[in-house]
Each structure stands twice: as C-alpha cells, then as structure tokens.
Amino acid sequence: DNYRPISLLSSISKVLEKIVAEKLISHLFENDLLYSFQYGFLPK
C-alpha cells in the first residue's frame, strides 16, 4: 500500500488521448457542465 503504481503506456496512445482530452474539456467548458468551484485537475 506504500507504493504508487505508475502506468507506462505507448507514446502513440498518449497522443490520441491528448486529442480526446482537448475535445472533452472543450465540450465541458463550452456547455458550462463543470461545477463553478471545481479547481483541481483542470487547465489553468
């Protein structure tokens, strides 16, 4: 329990995930779907 498991994944996978992450965050901000006091885990 005193170890944090860090997953090493394909760099190509991360490129595709970043594309999807940008689209998802845009959707959430564009449609005002996030709680106004959600500060953690968001850009800026």
PDB file of all heavy atoms in Angstrom:
ATOM      1  N   ASP A   1       0.812  -1.220   0.000  1.00  0.00           N
ATOM      2  CA  ASP A   1       0.000   0.000   0.000  1.00  0.00           C
ATOM      3  C   ASP A   1       0.845   1.270   0.000  1.00  0.00           C
ATOM      4  O   ASP A   1       0.327   2.364  -0.241  1.00  0.00           O
ATOM      5  CB  ASP A   1      -0.945   0.023   1.216  1.00  0.00           C
ATOM      6  CG  ASP A   1      -2.084  -0.964   1.068  1.00  0.00           C
ATOM      7  OD1 ASP A   1      -2.363  -1.364  -0.085  1.00  0.00           O
ATOM      8  OD2 ASP A   1      -2.701  -1.330   2.087  1.00  0.00           O
ATOM      9  N   ASN A   2       2.125   1.147   0.283  1.00  0.00           N
ATOM     10  CA  ASN A   2       3.001   2.315   0.345  1.00  0.00           C
ATOM     11  C   ASN A   2       3.693   2.609  -0.990  1.00  0.00           C
ATOM     12  O   ASN A   2       4.657   3.367  -1.038  1.00  0.00           O
ATOM     13  CB  ASN A   2       4.051   2.133   1.445  1.00  0.00           C
ATOM     14  CG  ASN A   2       3.425   2.143   2.825  1.00  0.00           C
ATOM     15  OD1 ASN A   2       2.395   2.774   3.055  1.00  0.00           O
ATOM     16  ND2 ASN A   2       4.030   1.425   3.755  1.00  0.00           N
ATOM     17  N   TYR A   3       3.173   2.005  -2.064  1.00  0.00           N
ATOM     18  CA  TYR A   3       3.725   2.231  -3.396  1.00  0.00           C
ATOM     19  C   TYR A   3       2.645   2.812  -4.308  1.00  0.00           C
ATOM     20  O   TYR A   3       1.488   2.385  -4.249  1.00  0.00           O
ATOM     21  CB  TYR A   3       4.256   0.926  -4.002  1.00  0.00           C
ATOM     22  CG  TYR A   3       5.521   0.428  -3.339  1.00  0.00           C
ATOM     23  CD1 TYR A   3       5.457  -0.284  -2.144  1.00  0.00           C
ATOM     24  CD2 TYR A   3       6.769   0.674  -3.901  1.00  0.00           C
ATOM     25  CE1 TYR A   3       6.615  -0.743  -1.522  1.00  0.00           C
ATOM     26  CE2 TYR A   3       7.934   0.211  -3.291  1.00  0.00           C
ATOM     27  CZ  TYR A   3       7.843  -0.484  -2.099  1.00  0.00           C
ATOM     28  OH  TYR A   3       8.993  -0.935  -1.488  1.00  0.00           O
ATOM     29  N   ARG A   4       3.029   3.768  -5.149  1.00  0.00           N
ATOM     30  CA  ARG A   4       2.105   4.326  -6.135  1.00  0.00           C
ATOM     31  C   ARG A   4       2.376   3.643  -7.473  1.00  0.00           C
ATOM     32  O   ARG A   4       3.499   3.703  -7.987  1.00  0.00           O
ATOM     33  CB  ARG A   4       2.291   5.837  -6.266  1.00  0.00           C
ATOM     34  CG  ARG A   4       1.449   6.440  -7.405  1.00  0.00           C
ATOM     35  CD  ARG A   4       1.543   7.948  -7.467  1.00  0.00           C
ATOM     36  NE  ARG A   4       0.775   8.530  -6.371  1.00  0.00           N
ATOM     37  CZ  ARG A   4       1.287   9.289  -5.421  1.00  0.00           C
ATOM     38  NH1 ARG A   4       2.572   9.544  -5.407  1.00  0.00           N
ATOM     39  NH2 ARG A   4       0.535   9.793  -4.466  1.00  0.00           N
ATOM     40  N   PRO A   5       1.347   3.012  -8.069  1.00  0.00           N
ATOM     41  CA  PRO A   5       1.562   2.340  -9.361  1.00  0.00           C
ATOM     42  C   PRO A   5       1.501   3.330 -10.517  1.00  0.00           C
ATOM     43  O   PRO A   5       0.463   3.910 -10.798  1.00  0.00           O
ATOM     44  CB  PRO A   5       0.389   1.349  -9.426  1.00  0.00           C
ATOM     45  CG  PRO A   5      -0.691   1.977  -8.596  1.00  0.00           C
ATOM     46  CD  PRO A   5      -0.008   2.802  -7.544  1.00  0.00           C
ATOM     47  N   ILE A   6       2.621   3.540 -11.184  1.00  0.00           N
ATOM     48  CA  ILE A   6       2.672   4.441 -12.333  1.00  0.00           C
ATOM     49  C   ILE A   6       2.642   3.601 -13.607  1.00  0.00           C
ATOM     50  O   ILE A   6       3.488   2.725 -13.797  1.00  0.00           O
ATOM     51  CB  ILE A   6       3.945   5.311 -12.310  1.00  0.00           C
ATOM     52  CG1 ILE A   6       3.998   6.126 -11.020  1.00  0.00           C
ATOM     53  CG2 ILE A   6       3.996   6.222 -13.530  1.00  0.00           C
ATOM     54  CD1 ILE A   6       2.845   7.075 -10.813  1.00  0.00           C
ATOM     55  N   SER A   7       1.662   3.882 -14.456  1.00  0.00           N
ATOM     56  CA  SER A   7       1.487   3.113 -15.687  1.00  0.00           C
ATOM     57  C   SER A   7       2.272   3.740 -16.828  1.00  0.00           C
ATOM     58  O   SER A   7       2.093   4.916 -17.143  1.00  0.00           O
ATOM     59  CB  SER A   7       0.006   3.047 -16.053  1.00  0.00           C
ATOM     60  OG  SER A   7      -0.721   2.421 -15.033  1.00  0.00           O
ATOM     61  N   LEU A   8       3.144   2.954 -17.423  1.00  0.00           N
ATOM     62  CA  LEU A   8       3.900   3.396 -18.593  1.00  0.00           C
ATOM     63  C   LEU A   8       3.177   2.883 -19.833  1.00  0.00           C
ATOM     64  O   LEU A   8       3.014   1.674 -20.018  1.00  0.00           O
ATOM     65  CB  LEU A   8       5.329   2.860 -18.529  1.00  0.00           C
ATOM     66  CG  LEU A   8       6.113   3.249 -17.265  1.00  0.00           C
ATOM     67  CD1 LEU A   8       7.491   2.619 -17.276  1.00  0.00           C
ATOM     68  CD2 LEU A   8       6.203   4.761 -17.129  1.00  0.00           C
ATOM     69  N   LEU A   9       2.729   3.819 -20.660  1.00  0.00           N
ATOM     70  CA  LEU A   9       1.929   3.483 -21.826  1.00  0.00           C
ATOM     71  C   LEU A   9       2.616   3.917 -23.108  1.00  0.00           C
ATOM     72  O   LEU A   9       3.580   4.691 -23.083  1.00  0.00           O
ATOM     73  CB  LEU A   9       0.559   4.163 -21.717  1.00  0.00           C
ATOM     74  CG  LEU A   9      -0.262   3.771 -20.488  1.00  0.00           C
ATOM     75  CD1 LEU A   9      -1.320   4.809 -20.208  1.00  0.00           C
ATOM     76  CD2 LEU A   9      -0.897   2.418 -20.702  1.00  0.00           C
ATOM     77  N   SER A  10       2.085   3.456 -24.204  1.00  0.00           N
ATOM     78  CA  SER A  10       2.608   3.822 -25.512  1.00  0.00           C
ATOM     79  C   SER A  10       2.508   5.332 -25.718  1.00  0.00           C
ATOM     80  O   SER A  10       1.491   5.954 -25.393  1.00  0.00           O
ATOM     81  CB  SER A  10       1.806   3.094 -26.596  1.00  0.00           C
ATOM     82  OG  SER A  10       1.979   3.714 -27.847  1.00  0.00           O
ATOM     83  N   SER A  11       3.555   5.932 -26.261  1.00  0.00           N
ATOM     84  CA  SER A  11       3.535   7.369 -26.556  1.00  0.00           C
ATOM     85  C   SER A  11       2.475   7.699 -27.597  1.00  0.00           C
ATOM     86  O   SER A  11       1.852   8.771 -27.556  1.00  0.00           O
ATOM     87  CB  SER A  11       4.910   7.823 -27.064  1.00  0.00           C
ATOM     88  OG  SER A  11       5.882   7.641 -26.063  1.00  0.00           O
ATOM     89  N   ILE A  12       2.246   6.774 -28.526  1.00  0.00           N
ATOM     90  CA  ILE A  12       1.215   6.980 -29.546  1.00  0.00           C
ATOM     91  C   ILE A  12      -0.161   7.028 -28.896  1.00  0.00           C
ATOM     92  O   ILE A  12      -1.019   7.834 -29.262  1.00  0.00           O
ATOM     93  CB  ILE A  12       1.297   5.880 -30.624  1.00  0.00           C
ATOM     94  CG1 ILE A  12       2.596   6.055 -31.417  1.00  0.00           C
ATOM     95  CG2 ILE A  12       0.087   5.912 -31.542  1.00  0.00           C
ATOM     96  CD1 ILE A  12       2.895   4.959 -32.398  1.00  0.00           C
ATOM     97  N   SER A  13      -0.356   6.169 -27.893  1.00  0.00           N
ATOM     98  CA  SER A  13      -1.605   6.185 -27.135  1.00  0.00           C
ATOM     99  C   SER A  13      -1.823   7.552 -26.499  1.00  0.00           C
ATOM    100  O   SER A  13      -2.930   8.098 -26.504  1.00  0.00           O
ATOM    101  CB  SER A  13      -1.577   5.098 -26.060  1.00  0.00           C
ATOM    102  OG  SER A  13      -2.654   5.240 -25.167  1.00  0.00           O
ATOM    103  N   LYS A  14      -0.768   8.123 -25.953  1.00  0.00           N
ATOM    104  CA  LYS A  14      -0.883   9.410 -25.273  1.00  0.00           C
ATOM    105  C   LYS A  14      -1.220  10.543 -26.244  1.00  0.00           C
ATOM    106  O   LYS A  14      -1.928  11.486 -25.888  1.00  0.00           O
ATOM    107  CB  LYS A  14       0.394   9.717 -24.502  1.00  0.00           C
ATOM    108  CG  LYS A  14       0.590   8.785 -23.314  1.00  0.00           C
ATOM    109  CD  LYS A  14       1.736   9.211 -22.446  1.00  0.00           C
ATOM    110  CE  LYS A  14       1.818   8.328 -21.202  1.00  0.00           C
ATOM    111  NZ  LYS A  14       2.810   8.793 -20.237  1.00  0.00           N
ATOM    112  N   VAL A  15      -0.734  10.443 -27.483  1.00  0.00           N
ATOM    113  CA  VAL A  15      -1.066  11.460 -28.491  1.00  0.00           C
ATOM    114  C   VAL A  15      -2.566  11.421 -28.783  1.00  0.00           C
ATOM    115  O   VAL A  15      -3.239  12.458 -28.803  1.00  0.00           O
ATOM    116  CB  VAL A  15      -0.248  11.245 -29.787  1.00  0.00           C
ATOM    117  CG1 VAL A  15      -0.704  12.208 -30.876  1.00  0.00           C
ATOM    118  CG2 VAL A  15       1.236  11.416 -29.521  1.00  0.00           C
ATOM    119  N   LEU A  16      -3.098  10.209 -28.992  1.00  0.00           N
ATOM    120  CA  LEU A  16      -4.530  10.058 -29.251  1.00  0.00           C
ATOM    121  C   LEU A  16      -5.350  10.508 -28.044  1.00  0.00           C
ATOM    122  O   LEU A  16      -6.362  11.201 -28.182  1.00  0.00           O
ATOM    123  CB  LEU A  16      -4.844   8.596 -29.601  1.00  0.00           C
ATOM    124  CG  LEU A  16      -6.321   8.235 -29.818  1.00  0.00           C
ATOM    125  CD1 LEU A  16      -6.970   9.147 -30.853  1.00  0.00           C
ATOM    126  CD2 LEU A  16      -6.443   6.773 -30.242  1.00  0.00           C
ATOM    127  N   GLU A  17      -4.911  10.151 -26.850  1.00  0.00           N
ATOM    128  CA  GLU A  17      -5.621  10.548 -25.635  1.00  0.00           C
ATOM    129  C   GLU A  17      -5.637  12.069 -25.481  1.00  0.00           C
ATOM    130  O   GLU A  17      -6.637  12.641 -25.026  1.00  0.00           O
ATOM    131  CB  GLU A  17      -4.964   9.918 -24.407  1.00  0.00           C
ATOM    132  CG  GLU A  17      -5.195   8.419 -24.283  1.00  0.00           C
ATOM    133  CD  GLU A  17      -4.480   7.834 -23.084  1.00  0.00           C
ATOM    134  OE1 GLU A  17      -4.536   8.460 -22.008  1.00  0.00           O
ATOM    135  OE2 GLU A  17      -3.858   6.772 -23.219  1.00  0.00           O
ATOM    136  N   LYS A  18      -4.546  12.729 -25.849  1.00  0.00           N
ATOM    137  CA  LYS A  18      -4.492  14.192 -25.717  1.00  0.00           C
ATOM    138  C   LYS A  18      -5.503  14.854 -26.647  1.00  0.00           C
ATOM    139  O   LYS A  18      -6.141  15.843 -26.277  1.00  0.00           O
ATOM    140  CB  LYS A  18      -3.079  14.705 -26.004  1.00  0.00           C
ATOM    141  CG  LYS A  18      -2.955  16.197 -25.757  1.00  0.00           C
ATOM    142  CD  LYS A  18      -1.524  16.668 -25.702  1.00  0.00           C
ATOM    143  CE  LYS A  18      -1.474  18.156 -25.377  1.00  0.00           C
ATOM    144  NZ  LYS A  18      -0.120  18.668 -25.252  1.00  0.00           N
ATOM    145  N   ILE A  19      -5.656  14.312 -27.841  1.00  0.00           N
ATOM    146  CA  ILE A  19      -6.655  14.830 -28.786  1.00  0.00           C
ATOM    147  C   ILE A  19      -8.042  14.735 -28.171  1.00  0.00           C
ATOM    148  O   ILE A  19      -8.827  15.692 -28.185  1.00  0.00           O
ATOM    149  CB  ILE A  19      -6.602  14.051 -30.122  1.00  0.00           C
ATOM    150  CG1 ILE A  19      -5.284  14.328 -30.845  1.00  0.00           C
ATOM    151  CG2 ILE A  19      -7.786  14.404 -31.010  1.00  0.00           C
ATOM    152  CD1 ILE A  19      -5.010  13.417 -32.018  1.00  0.00           C
ATOM    153  N   VAL A  20      -8.347  13.559 -27.599  1.00  0.00           N
ATOM    154  CA  VAL A  20      -9.657  13.339 -26.987  1.00  0.00           C
ATOM    155  C   VAL A  20      -9.831  14.224 -25.753  1.00  0.00           C
ATOM    156  O   VAL A  20     -10.910  14.785 -25.523  1.00  0.00           O
ATOM    157  CB  VAL A  20      -9.838  11.841 -26.623  1.00  0.00           C
ATOM    158  CG1 VAL A  20     -11.128  11.625 -25.842  1.00  0.00           C
ATOM    159  CG2 VAL A  20      -9.834  10.988 -27.883  1.00  0.00           C
ATOM    160  N   ALA A  21      -8.776  14.370 -24.955  1.00  0.00           N
ATOM    161  CA  ALA A  21      -8.844  15.200 -23.751  1.00  0.00           C
ATOM    162  C   ALA A  21      -9.173  16.647 -24.105  1.00  0.00           C
ATOM    163  O   ALA A  21      -9.995  17.287 -23.443  1.00  0.00           O
ATOM    164  CB  ALA A  21      -7.524  15.126 -22.981  1.00  0.00           C
ATOM    165  N   GLU A  22      -8.554  17.175 -25.166  1.00  0.00           N
ATOM    166  CA  GLU A  22      -8.834  18.546 -25.589  1.00  0.00           C
ATOM    167  C   GLU A  22     -10.284  18.712 -25.998  1.00  0.00           C
ATOM    168  O   GLU A  22     -10.944  19.692 -25.647  1.00  0.00           O
ATOM    169  CB  GLU A  22      -7.892  18.938 -26.735  1.00  0.00           C
ATOM    170  CG  GLU A  22      -6.451  19.116 -26.296  1.00  0.00           C
ATOM    171  CD  GLU A  22      -5.495  19.358 -27.443  1.00  0.00           C
ATOM    172  OE1 GLU A  22      -5.894  19.149 -28.617  1.00  0.00           O
ATOM    173  OE2 GLU A  22      -4.354  19.753 -27.184  1.00  0.00           O
ATOM    174  N   LYS A  23     -10.801  17.721 -26.742  1.00  0.00           N
ATOM    175  CA  LYS A  23     -12.204  17.776 -27.178  1.00  0.00           C
ATOM    176  C   LYS A  23     -13.152  17.692 -25.980  1.00  0.00           C
ATOM    177  O   LYS A  23     -14.151  18.415 -25.907  1.00  0.00           O
ATOM    178  CB  LYS A  23     -12.497  16.617 -28.142  1.00  0.00           C
ATOM    179  CG  LYS A  23     -11.674  16.604 -29.397  1.00  0.00           C
ATOM    180  CD  LYS A  23     -12.198  17.571 -30.417  1.00  0.00           C
ATOM    181  CE  LYS A  23     -11.463  17.427 -31.743  1.00  0.00           C
ATOM    182  NZ  LYS A  23     -11.935  18.390 -32.730  1.00  0.00           N
ATOM    183  N   LEU A  24     -12.829  16.799 -25.033  1.00  0.00           N
ATOM    184  CA  LEU A  24     -13.693  16.608 -23.871  1.00  0.00           C
ATOM    185  C   LEU A  24     -13.739  17.869 -23.005  1.00  0.00           C
ATOM    186  O   LEU A  24     -14.810  18.329 -22.615  1.00  0.00           O
ATOM    187  CB  LEU A  24     -13.206  15.415 -23.043  1.00  0.00           C
ATOM    188  CG  LEU A  24     -13.979  15.133 -21.750  1.00  0.00           C
ATOM    189  CD1 LEU A  24     -15.434  14.828 -22.045  1.00  0.00           C
ATOM    190  CD2 LEU A  24     -13.326  13.987 -20.979  1.00  0.00           C
ATOM    191  N   ILE A  25     -12.580  18.444 -22.716  1.00  0.00           N
ATOM    192  CA  ILE A  25     -12.537  19.643 -21.881  1.00  0.00           C
ATOM    193  C   ILE A  25     -13.228  20.805 -22.581  1.00  0.00           C
ATOM    194  O   ILE A  25     -13.949  21.587 -21.952  1.00  0.00           O
ATOM    195  CB  ILE A  25     -11.084  19.989 -21.502  1.00  0.00           C
ATOM    196  CG1 ILE A  25     -10.522  18.916 -20.572  1.00  0.00           C
ATOM    197  CG2 ILE A  25     -11.007  21.348 -20.824  1.00  0.00           C
ATOM    198  CD1 ILE A  25      -9.079  19.090 -20.205  1.00  0.00           C
ATOM    199  N   SER A  26     -13.044  20.921 -23.885  1.00  0.00           N
ATOM    200  CA  SER A  26     -13.741  21.961 -24.643  1.00  0.00           C
ATOM    201  C   SER A  26     -15.248  21.801 -24.512  1.00  0.00           C
ATOM    202  O   SER A  26     -15.974  22.774 -24.299  1.00  0.00           O
ATOM    203  CB  SER A  26     -13.344  21.903 -26.119  1.00  0.00           C
ATOM    204  OG  SER A  26     -12.001  22.262 -26.290  1.00  0.00           O
ATOM    205  N   HIS A  27     -15.719  20.566 -24.639  1.00  0.00           N
ATOM    206  CA  HIS A  27     -17.161  20.281 -24.519  1.00  0.00           C
ATOM    207  C   HIS A  27     -17.674  20.678 -23.136  1.00  0.00           C
ATOM    208  O   HIS A  27     -18.732  21.303 -23.004  1.00  0.00           O
ATOM    209  CB  HIS A  27     -17.415  18.791 -24.776  1.00  0.00           C
ATOM    210  CG  HIS A  27     -18.779  18.327 -24.399  1.00  0.00           C
ATOM    211  ND1 HIS A  27     -19.894  18.608 -25.159  1.00  0.00           N
ATOM    212  CD2 HIS A  27     -19.215  17.621 -23.324  1.00  0.00           C
ATOM    213  CE1 HIS A  27     -20.969  18.088 -24.574  1.00  0.00           C
ATOM    214  NE2 HIS A  27     -20.581  17.479 -23.460  1.00  0.00           N
ATOM    215  N   LEU A  28     -16.913  20.340 -22.095  1.00  0.00           N
ATOM    216  CA  LEU A  28     -17.340  20.626 -20.723  1.00  0.00           C
ATOM    217  C   LEU A  28     -17.385  22.129 -20.456  1.00  0.00           C
ATOM    218  O   LEU A  28     -18.341  22.634 -19.851  1.00  0.00           O
ATOM    219  CB  LEU A  28     -16.400  19.943 -19.725  1.00  0.00           C
ATOM    220  CG  LEU A  28     -16.384  18.410 -19.751  1.00  0.00           C
ATOM    221  CD1 LEU A  28     -15.343  17.872 -18.782  1.00  0.00           C
ATOM    222  CD2 LEU A  28     -17.759  17.840 -19.423  1.00  0.00           C
ATOM    223  N   PHE A  29     -16.379  22.867 -20.927  1.00  0.00           N
ATOM    224  CA  PHE A  29     -16.357  24.312 -20.721  1.00  0.00           C
ATOM    225  C   PHE A  29     -17.396  25.020 -21.596  1.00  0.00           C
ATOM    226  O   PHE A  29     -18.096  25.925 -21.147  1.00  0.00           O
ATOM    227  CB  PHE A  29     -14.966  24.878 -21.033  1.00  0.00           C
ATOM    228  CG  PHE A  29     -14.000  24.766 -19.885  1.00  0.00           C
ATOM    229  CD1 PHE A  29     -12.805  24.081 -20.034  1.00  0.00           C
ATOM    230  CD2 PHE A  29     -14.285  25.344 -18.662  1.00  0.00           C
ATOM    231  CE1 PHE A  29     -11.911  23.977 -18.980  1.00  0.00           C
ATOM    232  CE2 PHE A  29     -13.392  25.256 -17.602  1.00  0.00           C
ATOM    233  CZ  PHE A  29     -12.210  24.560 -17.762  1.00  0.00           C
ATOM    234  N   GLU A  30     -17.472  24.584 -22.848  1.00  0.00           N
ATOM    235  CA  GLU A  30     -18.377  25.227 -23.806  1.00  0.00           C
ATOM    236  C   GLU A  30     -19.831  25.134 -23.368  1.00  0.00           C
ATOM    237  O   GLU A  30     -20.621  26.056 -23.581  1.00  0.00           O
ATOM    238  CB  GLU A  30     -18.193  24.552 -25.173  1.00  0.00           C
ATOM    239  CG  GLU A  30     -18.738  25.325 -26.346  1.00  0.00           C
ATOM    240  CD  GLU A  30     -18.399  24.615 -27.639  1.00  0.00           C
ATOM    241  OE1 GLU A  30     -19.097  23.651 -27.976  1.00  0.00           O
ATOM    242  OE2 GLU A  30     -17.418  25.000 -28.287  1.00  0.00           O
ATOM    243  N   ASN A  31     -20.184  24.017 -22.738  1.00  0.00           N
ATOM    244  CA  ASN A  31     -21.565  23.795 -22.326  1.00  0.00           C
ATOM    245  C   ASN A  31     -21.797  24.045 -20.843  1.00  0.00           C
ATOM    246  O   ASN A  31     -22.845  23.679 -20.304  1.00  0.00           O
ATOM    247  CB  ASN A  31     -21.982  22.367 -22.698  1.00  0.00           C
ATOM    248  CG  ASN A  31     -22.008  22.159 -24.202  1.00  0.00           C
ATOM    249  OD1 ASN A  31     -22.913  22.614 -24.883  1.00  0.00           O
ATOM    250  ND2 ASN A  31     -20.998  21.498 -24.733  1.00  0.00           N
ATOM    251  N   ASP A  32     -20.807  24.652 -20.188  1.00  0.00           N
ATOM    252  CA  ASP A  32     -20.914  25.036 -18.778  1.00  0.00           C
ATOM    253  C   ASP A  32     -21.367  23.858 -17.910  1.00  0.00           C
ATOM    254  O   ASP A  32     -22.304  23.961 -17.120  1.00  0.00           O
ATOM    255  CB  ASP A  32     -21.906  26.203 -18.644  1.00  0.00           C
ATOM    256  CG  ASP A  32     -21.769  26.915 -17.307  1.00  0.00           C
ATOM    257  OD1 ASP A  32     -20.670  26.846 -16.706  1.00  0.00           O
ATOM    258  OD2 ASP A  32     -22.756  27.512 -16.841  1.00  0.00           O
ATOM    259  N   LEU A  33     -20.662  22.723 -18.059  1.00  0.00           N
ATOM    260  CA  LEU A  33     -21.050  21.498 -17.364  1.00  0.00           C
ATOM    261  C   LEU A  33     -20.244  21.239 -16.095  1.00  0.00           C
ATOM    262  O   LEU A  33     -20.529  20.292 -15.373  1.00  0.00           O
ATOM    263  CB  LEU A  33     -20.889  20.293 -18.308  1.00  0.00           C
ATOM    264  CG  LEU A  33     -21.830  20.299 -19.519  1.00  0.00           C
ATOM    265  CD1 LEU A  33     -21.431  19.210 -20.504  1.00  0.00           C
ATOM    266  CD2 LEU A  33     -23.273  20.109 -19.080  1.00  0.00           C
ATOM    267  N   LEU A  34     -19.253  22.085 -15.840  1.00  0.00           N
ATOM    268  CA  LEU A  34     -18.411  21.874 -14.664  1.00  0.00           C
ATOM    269  C   LEU A  34     -18.894  22.727 -13.497  1.00  0.00           C
ATOM    270  O   LEU A  34     -19.353  23.854 -13.680  1.00  0.00           O
ATOM    271  CB  LEU A  34     -16.958  22.216 -14.982  1.00  0.00           C
ATOM    272  CG  LEU A  34     -16.269  21.292 -15.982  1.00  0.00           C
ATOM    273  CD1 LEU A  34     -14.917  21.869 -16.378  1.00  0.00           C
ATOM    274  CD2 LEU A  34     -16.099  19.906 -15.403  1.00  0.00           C
ATOM    275  N   TYR A  35     -18.802  22.167 -12.310  1.00  0.00           N
ATOM    276  CA  TYR A  35     -19.134  22.888 -11.089  1.00  0.00           C
ATOM    277  C   TYR A  35     -18.243  24.115 -10.982  1.00  0.00           C
ATOM    278  O   TYR A  35     -17.042  24.042 -11.231  1.00  0.00           O
ATOM    279  CB  TYR A  35     -18.932  21.951  -9.893  1.00  0.00           C
ATOM    280  CG  TYR A  35     -19.232  22.533  -8.545  1.00  0.00           C
ATOM    281  CD1 TYR A  35     -20.441  23.175  -8.284  1.00  0.00           C
ATOM    282  CD2 TYR A  35     -18.310  22.443  -7.512  1.00  0.00           C
ATOM    283  CE1 TYR A  35     -20.722  23.699  -7.037  1.00  0.00           C
ATOM    284  CE2 TYR A  35     -18.572  22.970  -6.250  1.00  0.00           C
ATOM    285  CZ  TYR A  35     -19.781  23.600  -6.028  1.00  0.00           C
ATOM    286  OH  TYR A  35     -20.055  24.134  -4.787  1.00  0.00           O
ATOM    287  N   SER A  36     -18.824  25.245 -10.655  1.00  0.00           N
ATOM    288  CA  SER A  36     -18.076  26.504 -10.672  1.00  0.00           C
ATOM    289  C   SER A  36     -16.892  26.502  -9.710  1.00  0.00           C
ATOM    290  O   SER A  36     -15.918  27.224  -9.909  1.00  0.00           O
ATOM    291  CB  SER A  36     -19.005  27.673 -10.340  1.00  0.00           C
ATOM    292  OG  SER A  36     -19.622  27.481  -9.077  1.00  0.00           O
ATOM    293  N   PHE A  37     -16.955  25.678  -8.650  1.00  0.00           N
ATOM    294  CA  PHE A  37     -15.872  25.623  -7.673  1.00  0.00           C
ATOM    295  C   PHE A  37     -14.971  24.405  -7.879  1.00  0.00           C
ATOM    296  O   PHE A  37     -14.284  23.983  -6.961  1.00  0.00           O
ATOM    297  CB  PHE A  37     -16.426  25.641  -6.248  1.00  0.00           C
ATOM    298  CG  PHE A  37     -17.184  26.899  -5.918  1.00  0.00           C
ATOM    299  CD1 PHE A  37     -18.450  26.842  -5.376  1.00  0.00           C
ATOM    300  CD2 PHE A  37     -16.618  28.136  -6.160  1.00  0.00           C
ATOM    301  CE1 PHE A  37     -19.148  28.009  -5.077  1.00  0.00           C
ATOM    302  CE2 PHE A  37     -17.300  29.311  -5.858  1.00  0.00           C
ATOM    303  CZ  PHE A  37     -18.576  29.245  -5.315  1.00  0.00           C
ATOM    304  N   GLN A  38     -14.986  23.839  -9.087  1.00  0.00           N
ATOM    305  CA  GLN A  38     -14.088  22.733  -9.410  1.00  0.00           C
ATOM    306  C   GLN A  38     -12.748  23.335  -9.837  1.00  0.00           C
ATOM    307  O   GLN A  38     -12.628  23.909 -10.917  1.00  0.00           O
ATOM    308  CB  GLN A  38     -14.661  21.874 -10.545  1.00  0.00           C
ATOM    309  CG  GLN A  38     -13.692  20.848 -11.118  1.00  0.00           C
ATOM    310  CD  GLN A  38     -13.360  19.744 -10.138  1.00  0.00           C
ATOM    311  OE1 GLN A  38     -14.211  19.297  -9.386  1.00  0.00           O
ATOM    312  NE2 GLN A  38     -12.126  19.310 -10.143  1.00  0.00           N
ATOM    313  N   TYR A  39     -11.759  23.230  -8.961  1.00  0.00           N
ATOM    314  CA  TYR A  39     -10.468  23.847  -9.238  1.00  0.00           C
ATOM    315  C   TYR A  39      -9.388  22.822  -9.584  1.00  0.00           C
ATOM    316  O   TYR A  39      -8.481  23.104 -10.345  1.00  0.00           O
ATOM    317  CB  TYR A  39     -10.004  24.671  -8.033  1.00  0.00           C
ATOM    318  CG  TYR A  39     -10.895  25.846  -7.726  1.00  0.00           C
ATOM    319  CD1 TYR A  39     -11.642  25.894  -6.556  1.00  0.00           C
ATOM    320  CD2 TYR A  39     -10.994  26.903  -8.613  1.00  0.00           C
ATOM    321  CE1 TYR A  39     -12.462  26.975  -6.268  1.00  0.00           C
ATOM    322  CE2 TYR A  39     -11.811  27.993  -8.337  1.00  0.00           C
ATOM    323  CZ  TYR A  39     -12.547  28.027  -7.159  1.00  0.00           C
ATOM    324  OH  TYR A  39     -13.360  29.085  -6.884  1.00  0.00           O
ATOM    325  N   GLY A  40      -9.473  21.643  -8.995  1.00  0.00           N
ATOM    326  CA  GLY A  40      -8.442  20.640  -9.229  1.00  0.00           C
ATOM    327  C   GLY A  40      -8.614  19.946 -10.565  1.00  0.00           C
ATOM    328  O   GLY A  40      -9.717  19.828 -11.095  1.00  0.00           O
ATOM    329  N   PHE A  41      -7.493  19.514 -11.151  1.00  0.00           N
ATOM    330  CA  PHE A  41      -7.468  18.678 -12.354  1.00  0.00           C
ATOM    331  C   PHE A  41      -7.995  19.379 -13.601  1.00  0.00           C
ATOM    332  O   PHE A  41      -8.499  18.735 -14.505  1.00  0.00           O
ATOM    333  CB  PHE A  41      -8.256  17.376 -12.129  1.00  0.00           C
ATOM    334  CG  PHE A  41      -7.879  16.666 -10.867  1.00  0.00           C
ATOM    335  CD1 PHE A  41      -8.846  16.263  -9.964  1.00  0.00           C
ATOM    336  CD2 PHE A  41      -6.556  16.399 -10.572  1.00  0.00           C
ATOM    337  CE1 PHE A  41      -8.507  15.601  -8.792  1.00  0.00           C
ATOM    338  CE2 PHE A  41      -6.201  15.746  -9.408  1.00  0.00           C
ATOM    339  CZ  PHE A  41      -7.178  15.349  -8.519  1.00  0.00           C
ATOM    340  N   LEU A  42      -7.924  20.705 -13.640  1.00  0.00           N
ATOM    341  CA  LEU A  42      -8.375  21.435 -14.818  1.00  0.00           C
ATOM    342  C   LEU A  42      -7.285  22.383 -15.298  1.00  0.00           C
ATOM    343  O   LEU A  42      -6.502  22.894 -14.494  1.00  0.00           O
ATOM    344  CB  LEU A  42      -9.643  22.234 -14.505  1.00  0.00           C
ATOM    345  CG  LEU A  42     -10.919  21.412 -14.312  1.00  0.00           C
ATOM    346  CD1 LEU A  42     -12.066  22.329 -13.915  1.00  0.00           C
ATOM    347  CD2 LEU A  42     -11.276  20.628 -15.554  1.00  0.00           C
ATOM    348  N   PRO A  43      -7.236  22.646 -16.616  1.00  0.00           N
ATOM    349  CA  PRO A  43      -6.219  23.568 -17.139  1.00  0.00           C
ATOM    350  C   PRO A  43      -6.388  24.967 -16.553  1.00  0.00           C
ATOM    351  O   PRO A  43      -7.507  25.449 -16.378  1.00  0.00           O
ATOM    352  CB  PRO A  43      -6.489  23.582 -18.650  1.00  0.00           C
ATOM    353  CG  PRO A  43      -7.359  22.411 -18.915  1.00  0.00           C
ATOM    354  CD  PRO A  43      -8.095  22.118 -17.664  1.00  0.00           C
ATOM    355  N   LYS A  44      -5.267  25.602 -16.247  1.00  0.00           N
ATOM    356  CA  LYS A  44      -5.223  26.972 -15.758  1.00  0.00           C
ATOM    357  C   LYS A  44      -5.965  27.162 -14.440  1.00  0.00           C
ATOM    358  O   LYS A  44      -6.361  28.268 -14.091  1.00  0.00           O
ATOM    359  CB  LYS A  44      -5.771  27.931 -16.824  1.00  0.00           C
ATOM    360  CG  LYS A  44      -4.956  27.880 -18.116  1.00  0.00           C
ATOM    361  CD  LYS A  44      -5.514  28.769 -19.179  1.00  0.00           C
ATOM    362  CE  LYS A  44      -4.684  28.634 -20.460  1.00  0.00           C
ATOM    363  NZ  LYS A  44      -5.249  29.394 -21.568  1.00  0.00           N
TER     364      LYS A  44
END
